Amino acid sequence: AIFTPIRETDPMDKLARVYLKEVVMRHRIPVSIISDRDPRFASNFWRSLQNVLGTRLDMSTAYHLKTDGQSERTIQTLEDMLRACAIDFGKGWVTHSPLVEFSYNNNYHASIKAAPFEALYSRKCRSPVCWTKVGGAQILGPELIQETTEKIVQIKQRMQAALEIMDREVKQLKRSRIPLVKVRWNSKRGPEFTWEREDQFRKKYPHLFAKTASSSSITS
């Protein structure tokens, strides 16, 4: 996965240049792309670009559950990791996005039974031991390496952080009701709380709902 920060207002020609630089030049032209239904990626410009490059463009929709679930899981994981960076690193979270990308690509994914880097290159990423194992060996060296190591470990710990569902409520819209859960996230500065959609959160953290169910039965 490649995580590249862009603005919602960025024009298509800029997005095309970012795509060529970050994807094509680093990994060659993709055979196919699974894209969400953002109007920019469904535009004639984007379709024409992919057609010229010889890339098949597949749109993620509710009617194609396999592709929809695949992109949704990646997006949800990225949102969780960026939220953790914003909590831990404050306004400097953007400068840490490459470390988030590194952590994501070198973390085991059950869906592909490997880390993304290993699946792509058929080998493990060569990096310091302490970058691959949380709480692993410490190294002595340049300050930059030590600082980067600390942040890699911090991000990996956040990916494995213990969470807790604190409360529930239902958001009432005109024609639908959306169940929400209040989630506690671990942070160096103390607990942080956010409201998340229950259906999306349940898919990613089913064990938390098992905990709340058992707690409710004990209380009753």
C-alpha atoms as a PDB file:
ATOM      1  CA  ALA A   1       0.000   0.000   0.000  1.00  0.00           C
ATOM      2  CA  ILE A   2       1.115   3.565  -0.719  1.00  0.00           C
ATOM      3  CA  PHE A   3      -0.156   6.346   1.556  1.00  0.00           C
ATOM      4  CA  THR A   4       0.167   9.768  -0.074  1.00  0.00           C
ATOM      5  CA  PRO A   5      -1.476  12.852   1.506  1.00  0.00           C
ATOM      6  CA  ILE A   6      -3.419  15.009  -0.964  1.00  0.00           C
ATOM      7  CA  ARG A   7      -6.047  17.724  -0.689  1.00  0.00           C
ATOM      8  CA  GLU A   8      -9.681  17.257  -1.683  1.00  0.00           C
ATOM      9  CA  THR A   9      -9.327  20.396  -3.803  1.00  0.00           C
ATOM     10  CA  ASP A  10      -6.281  19.164  -5.758  1.00  0.00           C
ATOM     11  CA  PRO A  11      -6.954  19.239  -9.538  1.00  0.00           C
ATOM     12  CA  MET A  12      -6.908  16.028 -11.566  1.00  0.00           C
ATOM     13  CA  ASP A  13      -3.668  16.869 -13.357  1.00  0.00           C
ATOM     14  CA  LYS A  14      -1.891  17.066  -9.978  1.00  0.00           C
ATOM     15  CA  LEU A  15      -3.404  13.742  -8.880  1.00  0.00           C
ATOM     16  CA  ALA A  16      -2.209  12.211 -12.150  1.00  0.00           C
ATOM     17  CA  ARG A  17       1.358  13.434 -11.517  1.00  0.00           C
ATOM     18  CA  VAL A  18       1.266  12.071  -7.958  1.00  0.00           C
ATOM     19  CA  TYR A  19       0.008   8.732  -9.292  1.00  0.00           C
ATOM     20  CA  LEU A  20       2.775   8.496 -11.893  1.00  0.00           C
ATOM     21  CA  LYS A  21       5.449   9.429  -9.337  1.00  0.00           C
ATOM     22  CA  GLU A  22       4.299   7.359  -6.356  1.00  0.00           C
ATOM     23  CA  VAL A  23       2.823   4.301  -8.090  1.00  0.00           C
ATOM     24  CA  VAL A  24       4.040   3.905 -11.667  1.00  0.00           C
ATOM     25  CA  MET A  25       7.651   5.012 -11.141  1.00  0.00           C
ATOM     26  CA  ARG A  26       8.032   2.978  -7.937  1.00  0.00           C
ATOM     27  CA  HIS A  27       6.152  -0.198  -8.835  1.00  0.00           C
ATOM     28  CA  ARG A  28       5.541  -0.095 -12.644  1.00  0.00           C
ATOM     29  CA  ILE A  29       2.125   0.234 -14.338  1.00  0.00           C
ATOM     30  CA  PRO A  30      -0.588  -1.761 -12.515  1.00  0.00           C
ATOM     31  CA  VAL A  31      -2.568  -4.371 -14.428  1.00  0.00           C
ATOM     32  CA  SER A  32      -5.736  -3.312 -12.601  1.00  0.00           C
ATOM     33  CA  ILE A  33      -6.862  -0.841  -9.937  1.00  0.00           C
ATOM     34  CA  ILE A  34      -9.700  -1.121  -7.426  1.00  0.00           C
ATOM     35  CA  SER A  35     -10.959   2.403  -6.802  1.00  0.00           C
ATOM     36  CA  ASP A  36     -13.744   3.772  -4.628  1.00  0.00           C
ATOM     37  CA  ARG A  37     -16.505   5.816  -6.221  1.00  0.00           C
ATOM     38  CA  ASP A  38     -14.935   9.209  -5.638  1.00  0.00           C
ATOM     39  CA  PRO A  39     -16.135  11.317  -8.614  1.00  0.00           C
ATOM     40  CA  ARG A  40     -12.534  12.198  -9.464  1.00  0.00           C
ATOM     41  CA  PHE A  41     -11.625   8.545  -9.990  1.00  0.00           C
ATOM     42  CA  ALA A  42     -14.768   7.920 -12.020  1.00  0.00           C
ATOM     43  CA  SER A  43     -14.126  10.924 -14.280  1.00  0.00           C
ATOM     44  CA  ASN A  44     -13.418  10.722 -18.010  1.00  0.00           C
ATOM     45  CA  PHE A  45      -9.931  12.149 -17.367  1.00  0.00           C
ATOM     46  CA  TRP A  46      -9.003   9.346 -14.966  1.00  0.00           C
ATOM     47  CA  ARG A  47     -10.555   6.645 -17.138  1.00  0.00           C
ATOM     48  CA  SER A  48      -8.716   7.972 -20.192  1.00  0.00           C
ATOM     49  CA  LEU A  49      -5.409   8.025 -18.283  1.00  0.00           C
ATOM     50  CA  GLN A  50      -5.796   4.404 -17.183  1.00  0.00           C
ATOM     51  CA  ASN A  51      -6.871   3.378 -20.679  1.00  0.00           C
ATOM     52  CA  VAL A  52      -3.725   4.922 -22.194  1.00  0.00           C
ATOM     53  CA  LEU A  53      -1.563   3.175 -19.572  1.00  0.00           C
ATOM     54  CA  GLY A  54      -3.318  -0.135 -20.246  1.00  0.00           C
ATOM     55  CA  THR A  55      -4.688  -0.472 -16.708  1.00  0.00           C
ATOM     56  CA  ARG A  56      -8.121  -1.977 -16.035  1.00  0.00           C
ATOM     57  CA  LEU A  57     -10.178   0.212 -13.682  1.00  0.00           C
ATOM     58  CA  ASP A  58     -12.511  -1.677 -11.320  1.00  0.00           C
ATOM     59  CA  MET A  59     -14.900   0.368  -9.213  1.00  0.00           C
ATOM     60  CA  SER A  60     -15.618  -0.748  -5.652  1.00  0.00           C
ATOM     61  CA  THR A  61     -19.392  -0.982  -5.163  1.00  0.00           C
ATOM     62  CA  ALA A  62     -21.940  -2.582  -2.884  1.00  0.00           C
ATOM     63  CA  TYR A  63     -22.773  -4.927  -5.776  1.00  0.00           C
ATOM     64  CA  HIS A  64     -19.218  -6.275  -5.818  1.00  0.00           C
ATOM     65  CA  LEU A  65     -18.792  -7.238  -2.188  1.00  0.00           C
ATOM     66  CA  LYS A  66     -15.312  -8.704  -2.640  1.00  0.00           C
ATOM     67  CA  THR A  67     -13.777  -5.509  -4.009  1.00  0.00           C
ATOM     68  CA  ASP A  68     -15.879  -3.292  -1.750  1.00  0.00           C
ATOM     69  CA  GLY A  69     -14.772  -5.140   1.375  1.00  0.00           C
ATOM     70  CA  GLN A  70     -11.149  -5.100   0.249  1.00  0.00           C
ATOM     71  CA  SER A  71     -10.987  -1.323  -0.189  1.00  0.00           C
ATOM     72  CA  GLU A  72     -13.125  -0.682   2.903  1.00  0.00           C
ATOM     73  CA  ARG A  73     -10.763  -2.676   5.129  1.00  0.00           C
ATOM     74  CA  THR A  74      -7.724  -0.828   3.807  1.00  0.00           C
ATOM     75  CA  ILE A  75      -9.395   2.559   4.228  1.00  0.00           C
ATOM     76  CA  GLN A  76     -10.576   1.695   7.754  1.00  0.00           C
ATOM     77  CA  THR A  77      -7.085   0.533   8.772  1.00  0.00           C
ATOM     78  CA  LEU A  78      -5.526   3.688   7.330  1.00  0.00           C
ATOM     79  CA  GLU A  79      -8.039   5.891   9.163  1.00  0.00           C
ATOM     80  CA  ASP A  80      -7.241   4.137  12.444  1.00  0.00           C
ATOM     81  CA  MET A  81      -3.479   4.524  11.947  1.00  0.00           C
ATOM     82  CA  LEU A  82      -3.702   8.189  10.912  1.00  0.00           C
ATOM     83  CA  ARG A  83      -5.980   8.916  13.863  1.00  0.00           C
ATOM     84  CA  ALA A  84      -3.360   7.347  16.131  1.00  0.00           C
ATOM     85  CA  CYS A  85      -0.644   9.510  14.532  1.00  0.00           C
ATOM     86  CA  ALA A  86      -2.732  12.648  14.984  1.00  0.00           C
ATOM     87  CA  ILE A  87      -3.247  11.771  18.652  1.00  0.00           C
ATOM     88  CA  ASP A  88       0.396  10.903  19.368  1.00  0.00           C
ATOM     89  CA  PHE A  89       2.274  13.307  17.073  1.00  0.00           C
ATOM     90  CA  GLY A  90      -0.144  16.262  16.878  1.00  0.00           C
ATOM     91  CA  LYS A  91       0.288  18.645  13.942  1.00  0.00           C
ATOM     92  CA  GLY A  92       3.403  16.812  12.796  1.00  0.00           C
ATOM     93  CA  TRP A  93       1.422  13.710  11.779  1.00  0.00           C
ATOM     94  CA  VAL A  94       1.941  14.368   8.041  1.00  0.00           C
ATOM     95  CA  THR A  95       5.723  14.013   8.376  1.00  0.00           C
ATOM     96  CA  HIS A  96       5.175  10.609   9.979  1.00  0.00           C
ATOM     97  CA  SER A  97       2.996   9.214   7.162  1.00  0.00           C
ATOM     98  CA  PRO A  98       5.985   7.357   5.582  1.00  0.00           C
ATOM     99  CA  LEU A  99       6.447   5.512   8.895  1.00  0.00           C
ATOM    100  CA  VAL A 100       2.747   4.613   8.865  1.00  0.00           C
ATOM    101  CA  GLU A 101       3.157   3.257   5.333  1.00  0.00           C
ATOM    102  CA  PHE A 102       6.214   1.249   6.408  1.00  0.00           C
ATOM    103  CA  SER A 103       4.397  -0.205   9.423  1.00  0.00           C
ATOM    104  CA  TYR A 104       1.328  -1.136   7.359  1.00  0.00           C
ATOM    105  CA  ASN A 105       3.332  -2.802   4.586  1.00  0.00           C
ATOM    106  CA  ASN A 106       5.465  -4.807   7.005  1.00  0.00           C
ATOM    107  CA  ASN A 107       2.675  -5.951   9.300  1.00  0.00           C
ATOM    108  CA  TYR A 108       1.060  -9.399   8.841  1.00  0.00           C
ATOM    109  CA  HIS A 109      -2.343  -9.327   7.082  1.00  0.00           C
ATOM    110  CA  ALA A 110      -4.606 -12.335   7.554  1.00  0.00           C
ATOM    111  CA  SER A 111      -6.373 -11.691   4.221  1.00  0.00           C
ATOM    112  CA  ILE A 112      -3.177 -12.389   2.215  1.00  0.00           C
ATOM    113  CA  LYS A 113      -1.433 -14.489   4.912  1.00  0.00           C
ATOM    114  CA  ALA A 114       1.679 -12.297   4.715  1.00  0.00           C
ATOM    115  CA  ALA A 115       2.893  -8.729   5.014  1.00  0.00           C
ATOM    116  CA  PRO A 116       2.117  -6.675   1.848  1.00  0.00           C
ATOM    117  CA  PHE A 117       5.843  -6.072   1.230  1.00  0.00           C
ATOM    118  CA  GLU A 118       6.588  -9.786   1.422  1.00  0.00           C
ATOM    119  CA  ALA A 119       3.627 -10.636  -0.843  1.00  0.00           C
ATOM    120  CA  LEU A 120       4.790  -8.111  -3.453  1.00  0.00           C
ATOM    121  CA  TYR A 121       8.524  -8.876  -3.498  1.00  0.00           C
ATOM    122  CA  SER A 122       8.527 -12.503  -2.238  1.00  0.00           C
ATOM    123  CA  ARG A 123      10.949 -11.590   0.543  1.00  0.00           C
ATOM    124  CA  LYS A 124      10.900  -9.830   3.874  1.00  0.00           C
ATOM    125  CA  CYS A 125      11.827  -6.161   4.088  1.00  0.00           C
ATOM    126  CA  ARG A 126      15.459  -5.672   5.157  1.00  0.00           C
ATOM    127  CA  SER A 127      15.318  -3.345   8.167  1.00  0.00           C
ATOM    128  CA  PRO A 128      16.731  -3.073  11.717  1.00  0.00           C
ATOM    129  CA  VAL A 129      15.516  -5.875  13.998  1.00  0.00           C
ATOM    130  CA  CYS A 130      13.931  -3.366  16.364  1.00  0.00           C
ATOM    131  CA  TRP A 131      11.737  -2.030  13.499  1.00  0.00           C
ATOM    132  CA  THR A 132      10.138  -5.404  12.911  1.00  0.00           C
ATOM    133  CA  LYS A 133       9.433  -6.457  16.490  1.00  0.00           C
ATOM    134  CA  VAL A 134       7.685  -4.309  19.061  1.00  0.00           C
ATOM    135  CA  GLY A 135       9.831  -4.267  22.177  1.00  0.00           C
ATOM    136  CA  GLY A 136      12.727  -5.852  20.274  1.00  0.00           C
ATOM    137  CA  ALA A 137      16.433  -5.172  20.619  1.00  0.00           C
ATOM    138  CA  GLN A 138      17.549  -1.598  21.116  1.00  0.00           C
ATOM    139  CA  ILE A 139      20.257  -0.130  18.909  1.00  0.00           C
ATOM    140  CA  LEU A 140      22.859   2.523  19.440  1.00  0.00           C
ATOM    141  CA  GLY A 141      23.653   4.824  16.551  1.00  0.00           C
ATOM    142  CA  PRO A 142      22.797   8.156  14.942  1.00  0.00           C
ATOM    143  CA  GLU A 143      20.048  10.101  16.685  1.00  0.00           C
ATOM    144  CA  LEU A 144      17.859   9.951  13.558  1.00  0.00           C
ATOM    145  CA  ILE A 145      17.882   6.134  13.569  1.00  0.00           C
ATOM    146  CA  GLN A 146      17.048   5.999  17.271  1.00  0.00           C
ATOM    147  CA  GLU A 147      14.229   8.518  16.859  1.00  0.00           C
ATOM    148  CA  THR A 148      12.803   6.679  13.850  1.00  0.00           C
ATOM    149  CA  THR A 149      12.993   3.374  15.716  1.00  0.00           C
ATOM    150  CA  GLU A 150      11.038   4.801  18.647  1.00  0.00           C
ATOM    151  CA  LYS A 151       8.310   6.073  16.338  1.00  0.00           C
ATOM    152  CA  ILE A 152       8.087   2.814  14.371  1.00  0.00           C
ATOM    153  CA  VAL A 153       7.638   0.933  17.644  1.00  0.00           C
ATOM    154  CA  GLN A 154       5.064   3.498  18.801  1.00  0.00           C
ATOM    155  CA  ILE A 155       3.016   3.132  15.609  1.00  0.00           C
ATOM    156  CA  LYS A 156       3.151  -0.672  15.798  1.00  0.00           C
ATOM    157  CA  GLN A 157       2.016  -0.541  19.413  1.00  0.00           C
ATOM    158  CA  ARG A 158      -0.877   1.676  18.349  1.00  0.00           C
ATOM    159  CA  MET A 159      -1.873  -0.879  15.719  1.00  0.00           C
ATOM    160  CA  GLN A 160      -2.055  -3.455  18.516  1.00  0.00           C
ATOM    161  CA  ALA A 161      -3.447  -1.056  21.152  1.00  0.00           C
ATOM    162  CA  ALA A 162      -6.153  -2.279  23.492  1.00  0.00           C
ATOM    163  CA  LEU A 163      -9.490  -0.597  22.825  1.00  0.00           C
ATOM    164  CA  GLU A 164     -12.719  -0.462  24.770  1.00  0.00           C
ATOM    165  CA  ILE A 165     -16.323   0.336  23.865  1.00  0.00           C
ATOM    166  CA  MET A 166     -17.551   2.858  26.415  1.00  0.00           C
ATOM    167  CA  ASP A 167     -21.051   3.761  25.242  1.00  0.00           C
ATOM    168  CA  ARG A 168     -23.631   3.419  22.474  1.00  0.00           C
ATOM    169  CA  GLU A 169     -26.148   5.668  20.783  1.00  0.00           C
ATOM    170  CA  VAL A 170     -28.252   5.782  17.614  1.00  0.00           C
ATOM    171  CA  LYS A 171     -28.024   8.655  15.142  1.00  0.00           C
ATOM    172  CA  GLN A 172     -31.484   9.294  13.729  1.00  0.00           C
ATOM    173  CA  LEU A 173     -31.674  10.436  10.109  1.00  0.00           C
ATOM    174  CA  LYS A 174     -34.760  11.073   8.001  1.00  0.00           C
ATOM    175  CA  ARG A 175     -35.000   7.566   6.593  1.00  0.00           C
ATOM    176  CA  SER A 176     -32.495   5.552   8.579  1.00  0.00           C
ATOM    177  CA  ARG A 177     -30.965   4.937  11.982  1.00  0.00           C
ATOM    178  CA  ILE A 178     -27.188   4.583  12.366  1.00  0.00           C
ATOM    179  CA  PRO A 179     -25.917   2.779  15.507  1.00  0.00           C
ATOM    180  CA  LEU A 180     -22.754   4.371  16.916  1.00  0.00           C
ATOM    181  CA  VAL A 181     -20.276   3.262  19.578  1.00  0.00           C
ATOM    182  CA  LYS A 182     -18.035   5.420  21.742  1.00  0.00           C
ATOM    183  CA  VAL A 183     -14.501   4.000  21.635  1.00  0.00           C
ATOM    184  CA  ARG A 184     -11.588   4.559  23.999  1.00  0.00           C
ATOM    185  CA  TRP A 185      -8.174   4.694  22.302  1.00  0.00           C
ATOM    186  CA  ASN A 186      -4.900   4.422  24.218  1.00  0.00           C
ATOM    187  CA  SER A 187      -2.584   7.428  23.992  1.00  0.00           C
ATOM    188  CA  LYS A 188       0.581   8.612  25.703  1.00  0.00           C
ATOM    189  CA  ARG A 189      -1.331  11.724  26.722  1.00  0.00           C
ATOM    190  CA  GLY A 190      -4.116   9.679  28.254  1.00  0.00           C
ATOM    191  CA  PRO A 191      -7.332   8.110  26.907  1.00  0.00           C
ATOM    192  CA  GLU A 192      -8.875   9.523  23.717  1.00  0.00           C
ATOM    193  CA  PHE A 193     -12.508   9.002  22.733  1.00  0.00           C
ATOM    194  CA  THR A 194     -14.199   8.940  19.328  1.00  0.00           C
ATOM    195  CA  TRP A 195     -17.624   7.945  17.993  1.00  0.00           C
ATOM    196  CA  GLU A 196     -17.541   5.256  15.281  1.00  0.00           C
ATOM    197  CA  ARG A 197     -20.171   3.510  13.161  1.00  0.00           C
ATOM    198  CA  GLU A 198     -20.991   0.240  14.918  1.00  0.00           C
ATOM    199  CA  ASP A 199     -21.289  -1.886  11.748  1.00  0.00           C
ATOM    200  CA  GLN A 200     -17.877  -0.828  10.424  1.00  0.00           C
ATOM    201  CA  PHE A 201     -16.201  -1.046  13.822  1.00  0.00           C
ATOM    202  CA  ARG A 202     -17.674  -4.492  14.541  1.00  0.00           C
ATOM    203  CA  LYS A 203     -16.087  -5.908  11.362  1.00  0.00           C
ATOM    204  CA  LYS A 204     -12.639  -4.687  12.370  1.00  0.00           C
ATOM    205  CA  TYR A 205     -12.769  -5.340  16.129  1.00  0.00           C
ATOM    206  CA  PRO A 206     -15.285  -8.180  16.728  1.00  0.00           C
ATOM    207  CA  HIS A 207     -13.500  -9.208  19.947  1.00  0.00           C
ATOM    208  CA  LEU A 208     -14.487  -5.914  21.592  1.00  0.00           C
ATOM    209  CA  PHE A 209     -18.167  -6.708  21.116  1.00  0.00           C
ATOM    210  CA  ALA A 210     -17.644 -10.138  22.646  1.00  0.00           C
ATOM    211  CA  LYS A 211     -16.169  -8.382  25.694  1.00  0.00           C
ATOM    212  CA  THR A 212     -19.115  -5.996  26.024  1.00  0.00           C
ATOM    213  CA  ALA A 213     -21.606  -8.858  25.611  1.00  0.00           C
ATOM    214  CA  SER A 214     -19.960 -10.907  28.377  1.00  0.00           C
ATOM    215  CA  SER A 215     -19.792  -7.840  30.637  1.00  0.00           C
ATOM    216  CA  SER A 216     -23.498  -7.186  30.116  1.00  0.00           C
ATOM    217  CA  SER A 217     -24.434 -10.789  30.984  1.00  0.00           C
ATOM    218  CA  ILE A 218     -22.345 -10.656  34.170  1.00  0.00           C
ATOM    219  CA  THR A 219     -23.948  -7.353  35.194  1.00  0.00           C
ATOM    220  CA  SER A 220     -27.476  -8.637  34.605  1.00  0.00           C
END
